[in-house]
């Protein structure tokens, strides 16, 4: 697939699990843009034989946006997927991504995800609504300005 997955990371204990999960989509490349620690060096060592995984190790801490931009600078594929280092893609999401890439994406459409958790407590529901509102408001306001 003509896809690069960019994973910004700052000391995530789930980084290795997220990388393994992302490999199931069969991307052309995975770039881990991270703050270098002993743990990330250990994880990098486990994937050193992989031709598609690249670690960008930074000595200075950066904000997640900077890590994403550094990763995007290493991508030479048509499509990018930004995946946080604590987010695992469920089966449904992997199928959605594979189908979108197989059938072609509309170049004028931006797809974004909403965080979800396995629990259905009130906090999760409120967080979902806040995120949906923030994403929708941002994109609708920007669309209005461009007209």
N, C-alpha and C. Protein backbone atom coordinates (compact mmCIF):
# COMPACT_ATOMS: atom_id res chain seq x y z
N UNK A 1 0.84 -1.19 0.00
CA UNK A 1 0.00 0.00 0.00
C UNK A 1 0.88 1.24 0.00
N UNK A 2 0.42 2.25 -0.68
CA UNK A 2 1.19 3.49 -0.77
C UNK A 2 0.91 4.36 0.46
N UNK A 3 1.27 3.84 1.62
CA UNK A 3 0.94 4.47 2.90
C UNK A 3 2.16 4.48 3.81
N UNK A 4 2.38 5.63 4.44
CA UNK A 4 3.35 5.74 5.52
C UNK A 4 2.58 6.01 6.81
N UNK A 5 2.89 5.25 7.84
CA UNK A 5 2.30 5.48 9.16
C UNK A 5 3.34 6.20 10.00
N UNK A 6 2.95 7.33 10.55
CA UNK A 6 3.85 8.13 11.37
C UNK A 6 3.37 8.05 12.81
N UNK A 7 4.28 7.62 13.68
CA UNK A 7 3.94 7.46 15.09
C UNK A 7 4.82 8.40 15.92
N UNK A 8 4.26 9.53 16.37
CA UNK A 8 5.02 10.39 17.28
C UNK A 8 5.02 9.74 18.66
N UNK A 9 6.15 9.77 19.32
CA UNK A 9 6.24 9.07 20.60
C UNK A 9 7.03 9.86 21.62
N UNK A 10 6.54 9.85 22.85
CA UNK A 10 7.30 10.37 23.97
C UNK A 10 7.09 9.41 25.14
N UNK A 11 7.99 8.47 25.26
CA UNK A 11 8.01 7.53 26.38
C UNK A 11 6.76 6.67 26.54
N UNK A 12 6.14 6.27 25.46
CA UNK A 12 4.95 5.44 25.57
C UNK A 12 5.32 4.00 25.95
N UNK A 13 4.70 3.45 26.97
CA UNK A 13 4.96 2.06 27.33
C UNK A 13 4.33 1.08 26.33
N UNK A 14 3.47 1.58 25.44
CA UNK A 14 2.77 0.72 24.48
C UNK A 14 3.34 0.82 23.06
N UNK A 15 4.46 1.48 22.89
CA UNK A 15 5.00 1.73 21.55
C UNK A 15 5.19 0.45 20.74
N UNK A 16 5.79 -0.56 21.32
CA UNK A 16 6.03 -1.81 20.58
C UNK A 16 4.72 -2.45 20.14
N UNK A 17 3.74 -2.45 21.01
CA UNK A 17 2.43 -3.01 20.69
C UNK A 17 1.77 -2.21 19.55
N UNK A 18 1.89 -0.89 19.58
CA UNK A 18 1.31 -0.04 18.54
C UNK A 18 1.99 -0.29 17.18
N UNK A 19 3.30 -0.46 17.19
CA UNK A 19 4.03 -0.76 15.95
C UNK A 19 3.56 -2.09 15.37
N UNK A 20 3.50 -3.11 16.20
CA UNK A 20 3.04 -4.43 15.73
C UNK A 20 1.62 -4.36 15.19
N UNK A 21 0.78 -3.59 15.85
CA UNK A 21 -0.59 -3.40 15.41
C UNK A 21 -0.63 -2.68 14.05
N UNK A 22 0.19 -1.68 13.88
CA UNK A 22 0.24 -0.91 12.62
C UNK A 22 0.76 -1.76 11.47
N UNK A 23 1.64 -2.69 11.75
CA UNK A 23 2.18 -3.57 10.70
C UNK A 23 1.09 -4.41 10.04
N UNK A 24 0.00 -4.64 10.74
CA UNK A 24 -1.08 -5.45 10.20
C UNK A 24 -1.79 -4.78 9.01
N UNK A 25 -1.58 -3.49 8.82
CA UNK A 25 -2.18 -2.78 7.69
C UNK A 25 -1.32 -2.95 6.43
N UNK A 26 -0.11 -3.44 6.60
CA UNK A 26 0.85 -3.60 5.49
C UNK A 26 1.23 -2.28 4.83
N UNK A 27 1.70 -1.32 5.63
CA UNK A 27 2.11 -0.05 5.03
C UNK A 27 3.44 -0.20 4.30
N UNK A 28 3.72 0.77 3.46
CA UNK A 28 5.02 0.77 2.77
C UNK A 28 6.12 1.18 3.75
N UNK A 29 5.77 2.03 4.72
CA UNK A 29 6.77 2.53 5.66
C UNK A 29 6.09 2.90 6.98
N UNK A 30 6.82 2.71 8.08
CA UNK A 30 6.41 3.21 9.39
C UNK A 30 7.57 4.05 9.93
N UNK A 31 7.26 5.27 10.31
CA UNK A 31 8.27 6.16 10.88
C UNK A 31 7.88 6.45 12.32
N UNK A 32 8.79 6.14 13.23
CA UNK A 32 8.58 6.44 14.64
C UNK A 32 9.46 7.64 14.96
N UNK A 33 8.80 8.75 15.24
CA UNK A 33 9.50 9.99 15.55
C UNK A 33 9.43 10.15 17.06
N UNK A 34 10.56 10.00 17.72
CA UNK A 34 10.50 9.85 19.16
C UNK A 34 11.63 10.54 19.92
N UNK A 35 11.37 10.70 21.22
CA UNK A 35 12.36 11.13 22.19
C UNK A 35 13.12 9.87 22.60
N UNK A 36 14.41 9.86 22.38
CA UNK A 36 15.20 8.64 22.61
C UNK A 36 15.35 8.32 24.09
N UNK A 37 15.02 7.07 24.42
CA UNK A 37 15.18 6.55 25.78
C UNK A 37 15.76 5.14 25.67
N UNK A 38 16.10 4.56 26.78
CA UNK A 38 16.57 3.17 26.77
C UNK A 38 15.49 2.24 26.22
N UNK A 39 14.23 2.52 26.60
CA UNK A 39 13.13 1.68 26.11
C UNK A 39 13.01 1.79 24.59
N UNK A 40 13.05 3.00 24.03
CA UNK A 40 12.90 3.13 22.58
C UNK A 40 14.09 2.52 21.84
N UNK A 41 15.28 2.61 22.43
CA UNK A 41 16.44 1.95 21.81
C UNK A 41 16.24 0.44 21.79
N UNK A 42 15.69 -0.10 22.87
CA UNK A 42 15.43 -1.53 22.95
C UNK A 42 14.39 -1.95 21.90
N UNK A 43 13.33 -1.15 21.75
CA UNK A 43 12.29 -1.45 20.76
C UNK A 43 12.87 -1.34 19.35
N UNK A 44 13.66 -0.31 19.11
CA UNK A 44 14.28 -0.14 17.80
C UNK A 44 15.15 -1.35 17.45
N UNK A 45 15.86 -1.85 18.43
CA UNK A 45 16.72 -3.01 18.22
C UNK A 45 15.90 -4.24 17.79
N UNK A 46 14.70 -4.39 18.33
CA UNK A 46 13.84 -5.52 17.97
C UNK A 46 13.39 -5.46 16.51
N UNK A 47 13.31 -4.24 15.97
CA UNK A 47 12.83 -4.06 14.59
C UNK A 47 13.95 -3.72 13.62
N UNK A 48 15.21 -3.91 14.03
CA UNK A 48 16.33 -3.48 13.18
C UNK A 48 16.40 -4.21 11.85
N UNK A 49 15.85 -5.41 11.75
CA UNK A 49 15.86 -6.16 10.49
C UNK A 49 14.76 -5.71 9.53
N UNK A 50 13.81 -4.96 10.02
CA UNK A 50 12.70 -4.54 9.18
C UNK A 50 13.15 -3.47 8.18
N UNK A 51 12.75 -3.64 6.96
CA UNK A 51 13.09 -2.68 5.90
C UNK A 51 12.11 -1.51 5.87
N UNK A 52 10.97 -1.65 6.54
CA UNK A 52 9.96 -0.60 6.44
C UNK A 52 9.86 0.29 7.67
N UNK A 53 10.54 -0.06 8.75
CA UNK A 53 10.43 0.72 9.99
C UNK A 53 11.67 1.57 10.17
N UNK A 54 11.43 2.85 10.43
CA UNK A 54 12.53 3.79 10.64
C UNK A 54 12.28 4.57 11.93
N UNK A 55 13.28 4.63 12.77
CA UNK A 55 13.20 5.41 14.00
C UNK A 55 13.96 6.72 13.80
N UNK A 56 13.35 7.82 14.19
CA UNK A 56 14.03 9.11 14.23
C UNK A 56 14.21 9.42 15.71
N UNK A 57 15.40 9.30 16.21
CA UNK A 57 15.65 9.47 17.64
C UNK A 57 16.15 10.87 17.92
N UNK A 58 15.41 11.59 18.75
CA UNK A 58 15.77 12.95 19.10
C UNK A 58 16.22 13.02 20.55
N UNK A 59 17.25 13.76 20.80
CA UNK A 59 17.77 13.91 22.16
C UNK A 59 16.96 14.94 22.94
N UNK A 60 16.37 15.90 22.22
CA UNK A 60 15.57 16.94 22.86
C UNK A 60 14.10 16.61 22.74
N UNK A 61 13.36 16.92 23.78
CA UNK A 61 11.92 16.68 23.75
C UNK A 61 11.27 17.72 22.84
N UNK A 62 10.32 17.25 22.03
CA UNK A 62 9.56 18.12 21.14
C UNK A 62 8.08 17.93 21.42
N UNK A 63 7.28 18.85 20.88
CA UNK A 63 5.84 18.63 21.03
C UNK A 63 5.39 17.64 19.96
N UNK A 64 4.23 17.00 20.15
CA UNK A 64 3.79 15.96 19.21
C UNK A 64 3.69 16.45 17.76
N UNK A 65 3.28 17.69 17.55
CA UNK A 65 3.20 18.23 16.19
C UNK A 65 4.55 18.25 15.50
N UNK A 66 5.60 18.60 16.25
CA UNK A 66 6.95 18.59 15.67
C UNK A 66 7.39 17.17 15.32
N UNK A 67 7.07 16.21 16.19
CA UNK A 67 7.39 14.82 15.90
C UNK A 67 6.65 14.35 14.64
N UNK A 68 5.39 14.75 14.50
CA UNK A 68 4.62 14.38 13.30
C UNK A 68 5.25 14.98 12.05
N UNK A 69 5.63 16.25 12.12
CA UNK A 69 6.25 16.91 10.97
C UNK A 69 7.57 16.26 10.60
N UNK A 70 8.38 15.90 11.58
CA UNK A 70 9.64 15.22 11.30
C UNK A 70 9.39 13.89 10.60
N UNK A 71 8.37 13.17 11.07
CA UNK A 71 8.02 11.90 10.44
C UNK A 71 7.52 12.11 9.02
N UNK A 72 6.69 13.12 8.81
CA UNK A 72 6.16 13.40 7.47
C UNK A 72 7.28 13.75 6.50
N UNK A 73 8.32 14.39 6.99
CA UNK A 73 9.46 14.72 6.12
C UNK A 73 10.18 13.48 5.61
N UNK A 74 9.98 12.34 6.27
CA UNK A 74 10.63 11.09 5.87
C UNK A 74 9.72 10.22 4.99
N UNK A 75 8.51 10.70 4.73
CA UNK A 75 7.53 9.92 3.98
C UNK A 75 7.57 10.27 2.50
N UNK A 76 7.56 9.25 1.67
CA UNK A 76 7.55 9.45 0.22
C UNK A 76 6.40 8.66 -0.42
N UNK A 77 5.35 8.47 0.34
CA UNK A 77 4.19 7.75 -0.17
C UNK A 77 3.07 8.76 -0.43
N UNK A 78 2.05 8.29 -1.11
CA UNK A 78 0.93 9.18 -1.45
C UNK A 78 0.09 9.53 -0.23
N UNK A 79 -0.03 8.57 0.70
CA UNK A 79 -0.90 8.78 1.85
C UNK A 79 -0.13 8.68 3.16
N UNK A 80 -0.59 9.46 4.15
CA UNK A 80 -0.02 9.46 5.49
C UNK A 80 -1.10 9.09 6.49
N UNK A 81 -0.70 8.35 7.50
CA UNK A 81 -1.59 8.07 8.62
C UNK A 81 -0.81 8.42 9.88
N UNK A 82 -1.34 9.36 10.65
CA UNK A 82 -0.72 9.71 11.93
C UNK A 82 -1.40 8.88 13.01
N UNK A 83 -0.59 8.15 13.75
CA UNK A 83 -1.11 7.23 14.76
C UNK A 83 -0.35 7.49 16.06
N UNK A 84 -1.06 7.91 17.09
CA UNK A 84 -0.38 8.18 18.37
C UNK A 84 0.16 6.89 18.97
N UNK A 85 1.20 7.04 19.77
CA UNK A 85 1.93 5.88 20.28
C UNK A 85 1.21 5.13 21.40
N UNK A 86 0.00 5.55 21.71
CA UNK A 86 -0.78 4.82 22.71
C UNK A 86 -2.11 4.36 22.13
N UNK A 87 -2.22 4.39 20.79
CA UNK A 87 -3.49 4.04 20.13
C UNK A 87 -3.33 2.77 19.30
N UNK A 88 -4.16 1.79 19.61
CA UNK A 88 -4.19 0.57 18.80
C UNK A 88 -5.39 0.64 17.89
N UNK A 89 -5.20 0.23 16.65
CA UNK A 89 -6.30 0.20 15.70
C UNK A 89 -7.08 -1.10 15.89
N UNK A 90 -8.40 -0.98 15.99
CA UNK A 90 -9.19 -2.21 16.11
C UNK A 90 -9.40 -2.81 14.72
N UNK A 91 -9.97 -3.99 14.68
CA UNK A 91 -10.14 -4.74 13.43
C UNK A 91 -10.97 -3.94 12.42
N UNK A 92 -12.05 -3.33 12.88
CA UNK A 92 -12.92 -2.55 12.00
C UNK A 92 -12.17 -1.38 11.36
N UNK A 93 -11.35 -0.73 12.14
CA UNK A 93 -10.59 0.42 11.64
C UNK A 93 -9.56 -0.03 10.60
N UNK A 94 -8.91 -1.15 10.85
CA UNK A 94 -7.93 -1.66 9.88
C UNK A 94 -8.60 -1.99 8.55
N UNK A 95 -9.77 -2.59 8.60
CA UNK A 95 -10.51 -2.90 7.38
C UNK A 95 -10.91 -1.61 6.67
N UNK A 96 -11.37 -0.62 7.42
CA UNK A 96 -11.75 0.67 6.84
C UNK A 96 -10.56 1.29 6.10
N UNK A 97 -9.40 1.32 6.74
CA UNK A 97 -8.20 1.92 6.14
C UNK A 97 -7.80 1.16 4.87
N UNK A 98 -7.76 -0.16 4.97
CA UNK A 98 -7.38 -0.96 3.81
C UNK A 98 -8.34 -0.75 2.64
N UNK A 99 -9.63 -0.71 2.92
CA UNK A 99 -10.62 -0.49 1.86
C UNK A 99 -10.49 0.90 1.24
N UNK A 100 -10.28 1.90 2.06
CA UNK A 100 -10.12 3.26 1.54
C UNK A 100 -8.90 3.34 0.63
N UNK A 101 -7.82 2.72 1.03
CA UNK A 101 -6.60 2.77 0.21
C UNK A 101 -6.76 1.94 -1.06
N UNK A 102 -7.43 0.82 -0.96
CA UNK A 102 -7.63 -0.05 -2.12
C UNK A 102 -8.56 0.61 -3.16
N UNK A 103 -9.61 1.25 -2.67
CA UNK A 103 -10.60 1.84 -3.57
C UNK A 103 -10.27 3.28 -3.97
N UNK A 104 -9.24 3.84 -3.38
CA UNK A 104 -8.85 5.21 -3.69
C UNK A 104 -9.51 6.20 -2.75
N UNK A 105 -8.76 7.22 -2.43
CA UNK A 105 -9.25 8.27 -1.54
C UNK A 105 -9.51 9.53 -2.34
N UNK A 106 -10.48 10.26 -1.88
CA UNK A 106 -10.76 11.57 -2.46
C UNK A 106 -9.68 12.52 -1.93
N UNK A 107 -8.92 13.14 -2.82
CA UNK A 107 -7.82 14.01 -2.40
C UNK A 107 -8.30 15.26 -1.67
N UNK A 108 -9.58 15.56 -1.72
CA UNK A 108 -10.10 16.76 -1.07
C UNK A 108 -10.72 16.46 0.28
N UNK A 109 -10.64 15.23 0.72
CA UNK A 109 -11.26 14.83 1.97
C UNK A 109 -10.19 14.53 3.01
N UNK A 110 -10.41 15.04 4.20
CA UNK A 110 -9.54 14.75 5.33
C UNK A 110 -10.30 13.79 6.24
N UNK A 111 -9.70 12.67 6.55
CA UNK A 111 -10.31 11.71 7.46
C UNK A 111 -9.64 11.85 8.81
N UNK A 112 -10.43 11.80 9.85
CA UNK A 112 -9.85 11.84 11.18
C UNK A 112 -10.61 10.88 12.06
N UNK A 113 -9.94 10.45 13.10
CA UNK A 113 -10.56 9.49 14.00
C UNK A 113 -10.96 10.15 15.30
N UNK A 114 -11.81 9.49 15.99
CA UNK A 114 -12.24 9.91 17.31
C UNK A 114 -11.76 8.86 18.29
N UNK A 115 -11.13 9.30 19.34
CA UNK A 115 -10.66 8.35 20.34
C UNK A 115 -11.85 7.65 20.97
N UNK A 116 -11.67 6.39 21.25
CA UNK A 116 -12.71 5.67 21.98
C UNK A 116 -12.01 4.76 22.97
N UNK A 117 -12.74 4.41 23.95
CA UNK A 117 -12.17 3.51 24.95
C UNK A 117 -13.09 2.31 25.07
N UNK A 118 -12.62 1.32 25.76
CA UNK A 118 -13.40 0.11 25.92
C UNK A 118 -14.51 0.30 26.96
N UNK A 119 -14.38 1.32 27.76
CA UNK A 119 -15.41 1.53 28.77
C UNK A 119 -16.46 2.49 28.24
N UNK A 120 -17.63 2.37 28.76
CA UNK A 120 -18.73 3.23 28.36
C UNK A 120 -19.13 4.13 29.53
N UNK A 121 -18.16 4.57 30.31
CA UNK A 121 -18.51 5.42 31.44
C UNK A 121 -18.84 6.83 30.97
N UNK A 122 -19.37 7.62 31.85
CA UNK A 122 -19.83 8.97 31.48
C UNK A 122 -18.66 9.84 31.01
N UNK A 123 -17.49 9.68 31.61
CA UNK A 123 -16.34 10.47 31.19
C UNK A 123 -16.00 10.20 29.73
N UNK A 124 -15.99 8.93 29.32
CA UNK A 124 -15.70 8.57 27.94
C UNK A 124 -16.71 9.19 26.98
N UNK A 125 -17.97 9.15 27.34
CA UNK A 125 -19.01 9.72 26.48
C UNK A 125 -18.85 11.23 26.34
N UNK A 126 -18.55 11.91 27.43
CA UNK A 126 -18.34 13.36 27.37
C UNK A 126 -17.12 13.69 26.54
N UNK A 127 -16.03 12.95 26.74
CA UNK A 127 -14.80 13.17 25.98
C UNK A 127 -15.05 12.99 24.48
N UNK A 128 -15.82 11.98 24.11
CA UNK A 128 -16.16 11.74 22.71
C UNK A 128 -16.89 12.94 22.12
N UNK A 129 -17.86 13.45 22.84
CA UNK A 129 -18.64 14.57 22.33
C UNK A 129 -17.79 15.83 22.18
N UNK A 130 -16.90 16.07 23.13
CA UNK A 130 -16.01 17.23 23.06
C UNK A 130 -15.10 17.11 21.84
N UNK A 131 -14.51 15.94 21.64
CA UNK A 131 -13.62 15.75 20.49
C UNK A 131 -14.38 15.89 19.17
N UNK A 132 -15.55 15.31 19.07
CA UNK A 132 -16.35 15.45 17.84
C UNK A 132 -16.66 16.91 17.56
N UNK A 133 -17.05 17.64 18.61
CA UNK A 133 -17.38 19.05 18.44
C UNK A 133 -16.15 19.84 17.99
N UNK A 134 -15.02 19.63 18.65
CA UNK A 134 -13.80 20.38 18.30
C UNK A 134 -13.38 20.11 16.87
N UNK A 135 -13.33 18.84 16.45
CA UNK A 135 -12.92 18.52 15.09
C UNK A 135 -13.91 19.08 14.07
N UNK A 136 -15.20 18.87 14.32
CA UNK A 136 -16.21 19.33 13.37
C UNK A 136 -16.20 20.85 13.26
N UNK A 137 -16.16 21.52 14.38
CA UNK A 137 -16.17 22.99 14.38
C UNK A 137 -14.96 23.52 13.61
N UNK A 138 -13.79 22.98 13.86
CA UNK A 138 -12.57 23.43 13.17
C UNK A 138 -12.70 23.28 11.66
N UNK A 139 -13.12 22.11 11.21
CA UNK A 139 -13.18 21.88 9.76
C UNK A 139 -14.31 22.65 9.10
N UNK A 140 -15.47 22.80 9.77
CA UNK A 140 -16.56 23.55 9.16
C UNK A 140 -16.23 25.04 9.10
N UNK A 141 -15.59 25.59 10.14
CA UNK A 141 -15.21 27.00 10.11
C UNK A 141 -14.18 27.27 9.03
N UNK A 142 -13.21 26.40 8.89
CA UNK A 142 -12.20 26.59 7.85
C UNK A 142 -12.78 26.44 6.45
N UNK A 143 -13.75 25.55 6.30
CA UNK A 143 -14.40 25.38 4.99
C UNK A 143 -15.17 26.64 4.61
N UNK A 144 -15.82 27.27 5.59
CA UNK A 144 -16.56 28.51 5.33
C UNK A 144 -15.62 29.63 4.89
N UNK A 145 -14.46 29.71 5.54
CA UNK A 145 -13.49 30.78 5.24
C UNK A 145 -12.94 30.63 3.81
N UNK A 146 -12.84 29.41 3.32
CA UNK A 146 -12.26 29.18 1.99
C UNK A 146 -13.23 29.51 0.86
N UNK A 147 -14.52 29.63 1.16
CA UNK A 147 -15.50 29.92 0.11
C UNK A 147 -15.46 31.33 -0.35
